[in-house]
């Protein structure tokens, strides 16, 4: 199994590792383009300069989701707009099952993917999120009714994300098929799957645990609002 430590700050190790080509950077701070993912990432030991660089990257008044919230202490002039208890689950013993009946989704499918996400709310999915990894789907009478894909990519690991099924087609095991097919692909690359979920999403956690995922960590997901324009102006003048 790959180094577990890279999962402690998975967005940062992804943006400084396999996803570095997507990263927007200032100093030690990284973020995804705003149409790829809303996540930004700070190093493990952020200082005042790092928070100022994050403000400059994001812009005044912008709300930014961050992982590792329990370890982060935003400056006093930053508003914390959300704290969400989560779980991080490891798929190191999950056995993948390839499924050739699933559809490999492409950029042409994004409008339907965005519609499905809007109806099922699995978490952030934006017009270019599909660039983060493989996305698989299920179609019924031509319509996209279920999907799942890959998001964060710390070295040696791939995060499963956007697992969702149209309410009219739930109870048919579609999420299980999608997750296990993605696991098969991840393992085929010599990597290990993991995922995050809200601690309150008992149904999803129950499903993942039934497939063999196990709890590693209970992170806090934090969303903060960048303070006013004077902070960004000060940083840009440096």
Protein backbone atom coordinates (compact mmCIF):
# COMPACT_ATOMS: atom_id res chain seq x y z
CA UNK A 1 0.00 0.00 0.00
CA UNK A 2 1.21 3.50 -0.85
CA UNK A 3 2.40 6.03 1.74
CA UNK A 4 -0.56 6.94 3.96
CA UNK A 5 0.94 10.29 4.95
CA UNK A 6 0.09 11.85 1.58
CA UNK A 7 -3.60 11.43 2.48
CA UNK A 8 -3.32 13.76 5.48
CA UNK A 9 -3.37 16.74 3.10
CA UNK A 10 -4.64 15.01 -0.02
CA UNK A 11 -5.51 18.11 -2.03
CA UNK A 12 -2.05 19.57 -1.48
CA UNK A 13 -0.14 16.38 -2.30
CA UNK A 14 -2.30 15.99 -5.38
CA UNK A 15 -1.68 19.56 -6.58
CA UNK A 16 2.06 19.31 -5.89
CA UNK A 17 2.20 15.78 -7.34
CA UNK A 18 0.24 14.11 -10.17
CA UNK A 19 -2.10 17.11 -10.64
CA UNK A 20 0.69 19.71 -10.60
CA UNK A 21 0.02 20.45 -14.27
CA UNK A 22 -3.44 21.72 -13.34
CA UNK A 23 -2.35 23.76 -10.33
CA UNK A 24 -2.58 27.52 -10.02
CA UNK A 25 0.15 28.61 -7.60
CA UNK A 26 1.33 31.50 -5.50
CA UNK A 27 4.20 30.84 -3.12
CA UNK A 28 3.46 27.55 -1.40
CA UNK A 29 -0.31 27.72 -2.00
CA UNK A 30 -2.03 25.69 -4.71
CA UNK A 31 -5.54 25.63 -6.13
CA UNK A 32 -7.42 24.01 -8.98
CA UNK A 33 -8.79 26.22 -11.77
CA UNK A 34 -12.23 27.43 -10.73
CA UNK A 35 -14.00 25.47 -13.49
CA UNK A 36 -12.19 22.23 -12.54
CA UNK A 37 -12.64 22.12 -8.75
CA UNK A 38 -13.37 24.64 -5.99
CA UNK A 39 -10.61 23.24 -3.75
CA UNK A 40 -7.53 25.14 -2.72
CA UNK A 41 -4.73 23.72 -0.58
CA UNK A 42 -2.30 25.07 1.97
CA UNK A 43 0.90 23.37 3.14
CA UNK A 44 0.82 21.46 6.43
CA UNK A 45 2.26 24.41 8.36
CA UNK A 46 0.64 27.50 6.81
CA UNK A 47 1.95 30.87 7.94
CA UNK A 48 0.63 34.40 7.47
CA UNK A 49 2.29 34.69 4.06
CA UNK A 50 0.54 31.50 2.88
CA UNK A 51 -2.88 32.82 3.89
CA UNK A 52 -2.10 36.10 2.13
CA UNK A 53 -1.08 34.19 -1.01
CA UNK A 54 -4.33 32.23 -0.85
CA UNK A 55 -6.23 35.51 -0.67
CA UNK A 56 -4.40 36.76 -3.74
CA UNK A 57 -5.09 33.56 -5.69
CA UNK A 58 -8.79 33.45 -4.85
CA UNK A 59 -9.72 37.13 -4.75
CA UNK A 60 -11.58 39.19 -2.11
CA UNK A 61 -14.89 37.85 -0.85
CA UNK A 62 -14.50 34.42 -2.46
CA UNK A 63 -15.51 31.35 -0.44
CA UNK A 64 -12.91 28.56 -0.65
CA UNK A 65 -13.35 24.96 0.56
CA UNK A 66 -10.31 23.50 2.30
CA UNK A 67 -9.59 20.03 3.66
CA UNK A 68 -7.82 19.40 6.94
CA UNK A 69 -9.94 21.99 8.71
CA UNK A 70 -9.20 20.72 12.20
CA UNK A 71 -5.53 21.67 11.76
CA UNK A 72 -6.09 25.02 10.04
CA UNK A 73 -6.33 28.29 11.92
CA UNK A 74 -7.45 31.03 9.53
CA UNK A 75 -6.41 34.60 10.38
CA UNK A 76 -8.89 36.55 12.48
CA UNK A 77 -10.16 38.60 9.56
CA UNK A 78 -11.20 35.48 7.59
CA UNK A 79 -14.78 34.23 8.03
CA UNK A 80 -15.33 30.50 8.53
CA UNK A 81 -18.58 29.85 6.69
CA UNK A 82 -18.71 26.05 7.05
CA UNK A 83 -17.26 23.25 9.14
CA UNK A 84 -18.34 19.79 8.01
CA UNK A 85 -17.41 16.53 9.73
CA UNK A 86 -16.23 13.95 7.23
CA UNK A 87 -14.76 10.49 6.88
CA UNK A 88 -11.82 9.29 4.84
CA UNK A 89 -12.14 5.66 3.76
CA UNK A 90 -9.39 3.45 2.35
CA UNK A 91 -9.99 0.89 -0.38
CA UNK A 92 -6.73 -1.00 0.07
CA UNK A 93 -8.48 -4.38 0.38
CA UNK A 94 -11.37 -3.72 -2.03
CA UNK A 95 -11.40 -6.07 -5.00
CA UNK A 96 -12.26 -4.30 -8.25
CA UNK A 97 -14.53 -5.78 -10.90
CA UNK A 98 -14.17 -4.54 -14.51
CA UNK A 99 -17.50 -3.86 -16.23
CA UNK A 100 -17.46 -3.40 -19.99
CA UNK A 101 -21.15 -2.45 -20.00
CA UNK A 102 -20.35 0.90 -18.37
CA UNK A 103 -19.82 3.98 -20.54
CA UNK A 104 -16.56 5.93 -20.46
CA UNK A 105 -17.75 9.53 -20.18
CA UNK A 106 -16.10 12.36 -22.12
CA UNK A 107 -16.32 16.13 -22.40
CA UNK A 108 -19.32 15.68 -24.72
CA UNK A 109 -21.23 14.16 -21.78
CA UNK A 110 -20.56 17.04 -19.37
CA UNK A 111 -23.96 18.79 -19.81
CA UNK A 112 -25.74 15.57 -18.81
CA UNK A 113 -23.26 15.00 -15.97
CA UNK A 114 -23.91 18.48 -14.61
CA UNK A 115 -27.66 17.87 -14.80
CA UNK A 116 -27.36 14.57 -12.93
CA UNK A 117 -25.18 16.20 -10.25
CA UNK A 118 -27.69 19.04 -9.85
CA UNK A 119 -30.45 16.49 -9.18
CA UNK A 120 -28.49 14.22 -6.84
CA UNK A 121 -25.98 16.55 -5.10
CA UNK A 122 -23.03 14.16 -4.61
CA UNK A 123 -20.61 17.07 -4.12
CA UNK A 124 -18.79 19.61 -6.28
CA UNK A 125 -18.72 18.85 -10.00
CA UNK A 126 -17.86 21.60 -12.49
CA UNK A 127 -17.54 21.86 -16.29
CA UNK A 128 -13.90 20.67 -16.31
CA UNK A 129 -13.96 18.29 -13.34
CA UNK A 130 -13.86 15.44 -15.83
CA UNK A 131 -10.21 16.35 -16.52
CA UNK A 132 -9.24 15.04 -13.07
CA UNK A 133 -9.53 11.39 -14.06
CA UNK A 134 -11.71 8.60 -15.42
CA UNK A 135 -15.51 8.96 -15.25
CA UNK A 136 -17.84 6.06 -15.92
CA UNK A 137 -21.58 6.15 -16.41
CA UNK A 138 -24.72 4.08 -16.90
CA UNK A 139 -27.27 4.96 -19.56
CA UNK A 140 -30.90 3.88 -19.77
CA UNK A 141 -32.85 4.58 -22.95
CA UNK A 142 -30.02 6.93 -23.90
CA UNK A 143 -30.19 9.02 -20.71
CA UNK A 144 -27.37 9.19 -18.17
CA UNK A 145 -28.78 7.72 -14.94
CA UNK A 146 -25.67 7.06 -12.83
CA UNK A 147 -22.00 7.97 -12.76
CA UNK A 148 -18.84 7.96 -10.68
CA UNK A 149 -15.29 9.13 -11.25
CA UNK A 150 -11.87 10.09 -9.96
CA UNK A 151 -10.89 13.35 -8.27
CA UNK A 152 -7.84 13.94 -6.02
CA UNK A 153 -4.68 12.09 -6.98
CA UNK A 154 -2.02 12.05 -4.26
CA UNK A 155 1.05 10.03 -5.26
CA UNK A 156 0.08 6.36 -5.31
CA UNK A 157 -3.60 7.00 -4.59
CA UNK A 158 -6.77 7.96 -6.48
CA UNK A 159 -9.90 9.37 -4.84
CA UNK A 160 -13.34 8.18 -5.93
CA UNK A 161 -15.89 10.96 -6.23
CA UNK A 162 -19.21 12.09 -7.76
CA UNK A 163 -20.88 8.73 -7.11
CA UNK A 164 -24.54 9.39 -7.88
CA UNK A 165 -27.66 7.70 -9.24
CA UNK A 166 -30.90 9.19 -10.50
CA UNK A 167 -33.51 8.66 -7.74
CA UNK A 168 -35.78 6.74 -10.14
CA UNK A 169 -33.07 4.12 -10.69
CA UNK A 170 -31.72 3.56 -7.18
CA UNK A 171 -31.70 0.13 -5.56
CA UNK A 172 -30.31 -1.61 -8.65
CA UNK A 173 -26.67 -1.78 -7.57
CA UNK A 174 -25.48 0.81 -10.10
CA UNK A 175 -23.24 2.65 -7.62
CA UNK A 176 -21.62 -0.65 -6.63
CA UNK A 177 -20.87 -1.53 -10.26
CA UNK A 178 -19.41 1.90 -10.92
CA UNK A 179 -17.25 1.99 -7.81
CA UNK A 180 -15.86 -1.52 -8.32
CA UNK A 181 -15.11 -0.84 -11.98
CA UNK A 182 -13.19 2.31 -11.04
CA UNK A 183 -11.33 0.37 -8.35
CA UNK A 184 -10.30 -2.18 -10.99
CA UNK A 185 -8.90 0.60 -13.18
CA UNK A 186 -7.09 2.27 -10.29
CA UNK A 187 -5.51 -1.01 -9.21
CA UNK A 188 -4.56 -1.70 -12.81
CA UNK A 189 -2.40 1.44 -12.67
CA UNK A 190 -0.71 0.17 -9.51
CA UNK A 191 -2.51 2.70 -7.29
CA UNK A 192 -4.85 2.42 -4.28
CA UNK A 193 -8.39 3.85 -4.11
CA UNK A 194 -9.72 6.03 -1.30
CA UNK A 195 -12.65 8.38 -0.85
CA UNK A 196 -14.22 11.02 1.33
CA UNK A 197 -17.82 11.38 2.46
CA UNK A 198 -19.80 13.51 4.85
CA UNK A 199 -19.91 11.87 8.27
CA UNK A 200 -23.68 12.30 8.17
CA UNK A 201 -24.13 10.39 4.91
CA UNK A 202 -24.84 7.06 6.60
CA UNK A 203 -26.23 5.35 3.49
CA UNK A 204 -23.14 6.07 1.40
CA UNK A 205 -20.77 5.06 4.19
CA UNK A 206 -22.69 1.82 4.69
CA UNK A 207 -22.40 1.02 0.98
CA UNK A 208 -18.67 1.72 0.85
CA UNK A 209 -18.00 -0.33 3.97
CA UNK A 210 -19.97 -3.23 2.51
CA UNK A 211 -17.57 -3.18 -0.45
CA UNK A 212 -14.56 -3.35 1.85
CA UNK A 213 -13.63 0.31 2.37
CA UNK A 214 -12.44 1.02 5.91
CA UNK A 215 -12.27 4.14 8.02
CA UNK A 216 -8.86 5.76 8.24
CA UNK A 217 -9.55 9.29 9.44
CA UNK A 218 -12.33 11.72 10.36
CA UNK A 219 -11.28 15.01 8.73
CA UNK A 220 -13.07 18.32 9.05
CA UNK A 221 -13.89 20.10 5.81
CA UNK A 222 -13.63 23.85 6.13
CA UNK A 223 -14.92 26.66 3.93
CA UNK A 224 -13.54 30.16 4.47
CA UNK A 225 -14.30 33.56 2.97
CA UNK A 226 -11.38 35.69 1.82
CA UNK A 227 -11.39 39.13 3.47
CA UNK A 228 -11.65 42.44 1.63
CA UNK A 229 -9.73 43.82 -1.32
CA UNK A 230 -7.07 45.51 0.81
CA UNK A 231 -5.44 42.13 1.63
CA UNK A 232 -5.06 41.08 -1.99
CA UNK A 233 -3.80 44.53 -2.96
CA UNK A 234 -1.10 44.35 -0.27
CA UNK A 235 0.07 40.92 -1.49
CA UNK A 236 0.12 41.89 -5.18
CA UNK A 237 2.31 44.87 -4.33
CA UNK A 238 5.01 42.64 -2.81
